[in-house]
């Protein structure tokens, strides 16, 4: 699965809107929308900011989910097995 689909799936799983995710991550909502649309990639720092925002007040997002998000963005996972 690619970054766009994974980010949207995890955002919906965390019950957050793009605007809530933007506020929590400090990123522009339009930028997050472009990532979800697949027209923009994201640096490792950006993916980690999104990841921290996704897990905020959410028990449904796991470390495995975050590693998948990083890998779909073509970055190294947090945990190596």
C-alpha atoms as a PDB file:
ATOM      1  CA  UNK A   1       0.000   0.000   0.000  1.00  0.00           C
ATOM      2  CA  UNK A   2       1.326   3.451  -0.766  1.00  0.00           C
ATOM      3  CA  UNK A   3       1.768   6.398   1.574  1.00  0.00           C
ATOM      4  CA  UNK A   4      -1.413   8.174   0.439  1.00  0.00           C
ATOM      5  CA  UNK A   5      -3.711   5.253   1.165  1.00  0.00           C
ATOM      6  CA  UNK A   6      -1.957   4.303   4.398  1.00  0.00           C
ATOM      7  CA  UNK A   7      -2.095   7.838   5.789  1.00  0.00           C
ATOM      8  CA  UNK A   8      -5.791   8.173   4.990  1.00  0.00           C
ATOM      9  CA  UNK A   9      -6.568   4.726   6.448  1.00  0.00           C
ATOM     10  CA  UNK A  10      -4.728   5.548   9.681  1.00  0.00           C
ATOM     11  CA  UNK A  11      -6.279   9.009   9.909  1.00  0.00           C
ATOM     12  CA  UNK A  12      -9.747   7.509   9.619  1.00  0.00           C
ATOM     13  CA  UNK A  13      -8.805   4.739  12.084  1.00  0.00           C
ATOM     14  CA  UNK A  14      -7.779   7.439  14.577  1.00  0.00           C
ATOM     15  CA  UNK A  15     -11.074   9.300  13.989  1.00  0.00           C
ATOM     16  CA  UNK A  16      -9.321  12.537  13.077  1.00  0.00           C
ATOM     17  CA  UNK A  17     -10.131  15.006  10.323  1.00  0.00           C
ATOM     18  CA  UNK A  18      -7.418  16.446   8.118  1.00  0.00           C
ATOM     19  CA  UNK A  19      -7.816  19.688  10.081  1.00  0.00           C
ATOM     20  CA  UNK A  20      -7.343  17.957  13.446  1.00  0.00           C
ATOM     21  CA  UNK A  21      -4.303  16.122  12.105  1.00  0.00           C
ATOM     22  CA  UNK A  22      -2.913  19.409  10.790  1.00  0.00           C
ATOM     23  CA  UNK A  23      -3.382  21.147  14.130  1.00  0.00           C
ATOM     24  CA  UNK A  24      -1.737  18.312  16.061  1.00  0.00           C
ATOM     25  CA  UNK A  25       1.175  17.929  13.626  1.00  0.00           C
ATOM     26  CA  UNK A  26       1.769  21.602  12.905  1.00  0.00           C
ATOM     27  CA  UNK A  27       1.391  20.944   9.181  1.00  0.00           C
ATOM     28  CA  UNK A  28      -0.851  22.728   6.694  1.00  0.00           C
ATOM     29  CA  UNK A  29      -4.133  20.882   6.028  1.00  0.00           C
ATOM     30  CA  UNK A  30      -3.722  21.406   2.286  1.00  0.00           C
ATOM     31  CA  UNK A  31      -0.291  19.756   2.448  1.00  0.00           C
ATOM     32  CA  UNK A  32      -1.752  16.743   4.275  1.00  0.00           C
ATOM     33  CA  UNK A  33      -4.512  16.603   1.659  1.00  0.00           C
ATOM     34  CA  UNK A  34      -1.911  16.510  -1.118  1.00  0.00           C
ATOM     35  CA  UNK A  35      -0.090  13.658   0.632  1.00  0.00           C
ATOM     36  CA  UNK A  36      -3.368  11.742   0.933  1.00  0.00           C
ATOM     37  CA  UNK A  37      -4.134  12.475  -2.729  1.00  0.00           C
ATOM     38  CA  UNK A  38      -0.772  11.023  -3.691  1.00  0.00           C
ATOM     39  CA  UNK A  39       0.518  14.207  -5.305  1.00  0.00           C
ATOM     40  CA  UNK A  40       3.147  14.852  -2.617  1.00  0.00           C
ATOM     41  CA  UNK A  41       5.635  12.707  -0.805  1.00  0.00           C
ATOM     42  CA  UNK A  42       6.812  13.306   2.738  1.00  0.00           C
ATOM     43  CA  UNK A  43      10.156  13.475   4.474  1.00  0.00           C
ATOM     44  CA  UNK A  44      10.855  11.193   7.419  1.00  0.00           C
ATOM     45  CA  UNK A  45      10.422  14.173   9.765  1.00  0.00           C
ATOM     46  CA  UNK A  46       7.012  14.943   8.256  1.00  0.00           C
ATOM     47  CA  UNK A  47       5.887  11.312   8.509  1.00  0.00           C
ATOM     48  CA  UNK A  48       6.970  11.207  12.147  1.00  0.00           C
ATOM     49  CA  UNK A  49       5.073  14.436  12.888  1.00  0.00           C
ATOM     50  CA  UNK A  50       1.997  12.868  11.311  1.00  0.00           C
ATOM     51  CA  UNK A  51       2.567   9.645  13.242  1.00  0.00           C
ATOM     52  CA  UNK A  52       2.753  11.433  16.600  1.00  0.00           C
ATOM     53  CA  UNK A  53      -0.423  13.338  15.724  1.00  0.00           C
ATOM     54  CA  UNK A  54      -2.181  10.099  14.730  1.00  0.00           C
ATOM     55  CA  UNK A  55      -1.413   8.360  18.028  1.00  0.00           C
ATOM     56  CA  UNK A  56      -2.417  11.357  20.158  1.00  0.00           C
ATOM     57  CA  UNK A  57      -5.490  10.294  22.209  1.00  0.00           C
ATOM     58  CA  UNK A  58      -5.830   7.140  20.118  1.00  0.00           C
ATOM     59  CA  UNK A  59      -5.229   3.576  21.241  1.00  0.00           C
ATOM     60  CA  UNK A  60      -6.161   2.124  17.844  1.00  0.00           C
ATOM     61  CA  UNK A  61      -2.881   3.074  16.108  1.00  0.00           C
ATOM     62  CA  UNK A  62      -0.032   0.657  16.809  1.00  0.00           C
ATOM     63  CA  UNK A  63       3.728   0.777  16.347  1.00  0.00           C
ATOM     64  CA  UNK A  64       3.214  -1.673  13.474  1.00  0.00           C
ATOM     65  CA  UNK A  65       0.910   0.898  11.820  1.00  0.00           C
ATOM     66  CA  UNK A  66       3.522   3.634  12.196  1.00  0.00           C
ATOM     67  CA  UNK A  67       6.260   1.402  10.778  1.00  0.00           C
ATOM     68  CA  UNK A  68       3.989   0.667   7.807  1.00  0.00           C
ATOM     69  CA  UNK A  69       3.448   4.387   7.272  1.00  0.00           C
ATOM     70  CA  UNK A  70       7.203   5.013   7.335  1.00  0.00           C
ATOM     71  CA  UNK A  71       7.893   2.134   4.945  1.00  0.00           C
ATOM     72  CA  UNK A  72       5.178   3.282   2.531  1.00  0.00           C
ATOM     73  CA  UNK A  73       6.900   6.675   2.509  1.00  0.00           C
ATOM     74  CA  UNK A  74      10.130   4.810   1.650  1.00  0.00           C
ATOM     75  CA  UNK A  75      11.756   5.520   5.021  1.00  0.00           C
ATOM     76  CA  UNK A  76      13.266   3.087   7.498  1.00  0.00           C
ATOM     77  CA  UNK A  77      10.873   1.744  10.137  1.00  0.00           C
ATOM     78  CA  UNK A  78      11.261   2.612  13.804  1.00  0.00           C
ATOM     79  CA  UNK A  79      11.619  -1.047  14.769  1.00  0.00           C
ATOM     80  CA  UNK A  80      13.793  -3.550  12.956  1.00  0.00           C
ATOM     81  CA  UNK A  81      12.970  -7.215  13.371  1.00  0.00           C
END
